[in-house]
């Protein structure tokens, strides 16, 4: 069973390791460390082992999912869903108008997850994500909260 909780200082190394191994283009350590210290971060755990994380930025009127990564060994087991549901619930509780996020155009599994939780595609950022040669578009999604 997946347990989602707020990150604590002891989780930073595990988060950085998961990002380095599981993310095709991991964040730079300094950028990731800054987000971990300044934004809202949830970790998913299995028997107290961090197996995924999500970083949310609290803007004035919206919540933004900056990064969500699941350990490669734990994918397709509901970890990403649990992390996203936790963030969406937090956004609603804090009175945000929407949660926005972006995803690689090629990441069809993540797009399916976002749509299954009520997110709708609202735009495209051309050539946003790096590839080994060239760039890939980012699809912008929004989850609007009902008030």
Protein backbone atom coordinates (compact mmCIF):
# COMPACT_ATOMS: atom_id res chain seq x y z
CA UNK A 1 0.00 0.00 0.00
CA UNK A 2 1.22 3.48 -0.89
CA UNK A 3 1.42 6.08 1.86
CA UNK A 4 1.66 9.75 0.80
CA UNK A 5 3.00 12.33 3.23
CA UNK A 6 4.77 15.67 3.25
CA UNK A 7 8.48 15.49 2.59
CA UNK A 8 10.95 15.86 5.43
CA UNK A 9 14.69 16.61 5.37
CA UNK A 10 15.58 12.90 5.49
CA UNK A 11 13.86 12.37 2.10
CA UNK A 12 16.04 14.71 0.02
CA UNK A 13 18.68 12.15 -0.97
CA UNK A 14 16.05 9.57 -1.96
CA UNK A 15 14.16 12.15 -4.02
CA UNK A 16 17.31 13.23 -5.83
CA UNK A 17 18.22 9.61 -6.51
CA UNK A 18 14.77 8.75 -7.92
CA UNK A 19 14.90 11.81 -10.16
CA UNK A 20 18.41 10.98 -11.41
CA UNK A 21 17.50 7.36 -12.21
CA UNK A 22 13.87 7.62 -13.35
CA UNK A 23 13.70 10.96 -15.13
CA UNK A 24 15.16 10.91 -18.69
CA UNK A 25 16.33 14.49 -18.19
CA UNK A 26 16.74 14.91 -14.42
CA UNK A 27 16.67 18.30 -12.80
CA UNK A 28 19.96 19.84 -11.80
CA UNK A 29 20.70 19.09 -8.13
CA UNK A 30 20.71 22.78 -7.12
CA UNK A 31 17.37 23.45 -8.84
CA UNK A 32 15.81 20.37 -7.29
CA UNK A 33 17.20 21.16 -3.83
CA UNK A 34 15.81 24.72 -4.03
CA UNK A 35 12.34 23.42 -4.91
CA UNK A 36 12.51 20.85 -2.14
CA UNK A 37 13.17 23.61 0.36
CA UNK A 38 10.73 26.25 -0.95
CA UNK A 39 7.74 24.44 -2.46
CA UNK A 40 5.20 21.86 -1.31
CA UNK A 41 6.60 18.36 -1.77
CA UNK A 42 4.80 15.09 -1.18
CA UNK A 43 6.52 11.72 -1.11
CA UNK A 44 4.97 8.33 -1.72
CA UNK A 45 6.36 5.59 0.49
CA UNK A 46 6.15 1.83 0.67
CA UNK A 47 7.34 0.48 4.02
CA UNK A 48 9.00 3.84 4.77
CA UNK A 49 10.98 3.73 1.50
CA UNK A 50 10.43 6.72 -0.80
CA UNK A 51 9.18 5.43 -4.16
CA UNK A 52 7.94 8.66 -5.73
CA UNK A 53 7.49 12.37 -5.21
CA UNK A 54 5.59 15.40 -6.48
CA UNK A 55 6.59 19.05 -6.23
CA UNK A 56 3.86 21.71 -6.24
CA UNK A 57 4.38 25.46 -6.55
CA UNK A 58 1.82 27.64 -4.80
CA UNK A 59 1.12 30.61 -7.06
CA UNK A 60 -1.32 33.39 -6.21
CA UNK A 61 -4.44 31.91 -7.79
CA UNK A 62 -3.32 28.47 -8.90
CA UNK A 63 -1.32 25.47 -7.89
CA UNK A 64 1.29 24.22 -10.35
CA UNK A 65 2.62 20.69 -10.48
CA UNK A 66 6.31 21.21 -11.23
CA UNK A 67 7.49 17.62 -11.19
CA UNK A 68 6.11 14.19 -10.46
CA UNK A 69 8.38 11.15 -10.63
CA UNK A 70 7.86 7.53 -9.64
CA UNK A 71 10.64 4.99 -9.14
CA UNK A 72 10.87 2.88 -12.31
CA UNK A 73 10.27 -0.33 -10.34
CA UNK A 74 7.02 1.03 -8.90
CA UNK A 75 5.28 2.38 -11.98
CA UNK A 76 1.74 1.32 -12.92
CA UNK A 77 0.95 0.64 -9.24
CA UNK A 78 -1.01 3.79 -8.38
CA UNK A 79 1.92 5.80 -6.98
CA UNK A 80 1.57 8.70 -9.43
CA UNK A 81 -2.21 8.70 -8.99
CA UNK A 82 -1.87 8.90 -5.20
CA UNK A 83 0.63 11.77 -5.44
CA UNK A 84 -1.53 13.70 -7.90
CA UNK A 85 -4.73 13.14 -5.92
CA UNK A 86 -3.00 14.41 -2.77
CA UNK A 87 -1.88 17.58 -4.54
CA UNK A 88 -5.26 18.18 -6.15
CA UNK A 89 -6.97 17.76 -2.77
CA UNK A 90 -4.53 20.22 -1.19
CA UNK A 91 -5.25 22.76 -3.95
CA UNK A 92 -8.98 22.52 -3.36
CA UNK A 93 -8.57 22.80 0.42
CA UNK A 94 -6.41 25.91 0.00
CA UNK A 95 -8.95 27.57 -2.30
CA UNK A 96 -7.01 27.65 -5.55
CA UNK A 97 -8.92 28.22 -8.80
CA UNK A 98 -7.00 25.54 -10.66
CA UNK A 99 -4.00 23.25 -10.73
CA UNK A 100 -1.90 23.46 -13.86
CA UNK A 101 0.69 21.03 -15.14
CA UNK A 102 2.55 20.12 -18.26
CA UNK A 103 3.61 16.81 -19.72
CA UNK A 104 5.74 15.58 -22.58
CA UNK A 105 3.70 15.02 -25.71
CA UNK A 106 5.11 11.46 -25.86
CA UNK A 107 4.09 10.58 -22.27
CA UNK A 108 0.73 9.02 -23.07
CA UNK A 109 0.44 7.18 -19.73
CA UNK A 110 0.74 10.42 -17.76
CA UNK A 111 -1.76 12.13 -20.07
CA UNK A 112 -4.23 9.31 -19.44
CA UNK A 113 -3.72 9.66 -15.67
CA UNK A 114 -4.28 13.42 -15.79
CA UNK A 115 -7.44 13.09 -17.86
CA UNK A 116 -8.78 10.34 -15.58
CA UNK A 117 -8.54 12.77 -12.64
CA UNK A 118 -10.43 15.56 -14.42
CA UNK A 119 -7.60 17.50 -16.03
CA UNK A 120 -8.18 18.97 -19.48
CA UNK A 121 -5.60 19.94 -22.07
CA UNK A 122 -5.58 23.72 -22.45
CA UNK A 123 -2.51 24.44 -24.56
CA UNK A 124 0.87 23.50 -25.96
CA UNK A 125 4.38 24.79 -25.25
CA UNK A 126 6.36 24.24 -28.43
CA UNK A 127 9.82 22.66 -28.14
CA UNK A 128 9.70 22.82 -24.33
CA UNK A 129 11.35 19.55 -23.28
CA UNK A 130 14.85 18.53 -24.38
CA UNK A 131 15.43 15.28 -26.23
CA UNK A 132 18.72 13.57 -26.96
CA UNK A 133 18.50 15.37 -30.30
CA UNK A 134 16.11 18.30 -30.52
CA UNK A 135 13.09 19.13 -28.40
CA UNK A 136 9.57 17.93 -27.69
CA UNK A 137 6.36 19.86 -27.10
CA UNK A 138 4.78 20.11 -23.66
CA UNK A 139 1.03 19.71 -23.38
CA UNK A 140 -0.53 22.04 -20.80
CA UNK A 141 -3.29 20.65 -18.60
CA UNK A 142 -5.59 22.32 -16.10
CA UNK A 143 -7.70 20.92 -13.30
CA UNK A 144 -10.30 23.57 -12.43
CA UNK A 145 -11.82 23.47 -8.97
CA UNK A 146 -15.56 23.80 -8.52
CA UNK A 147 -16.48 26.45 -5.97
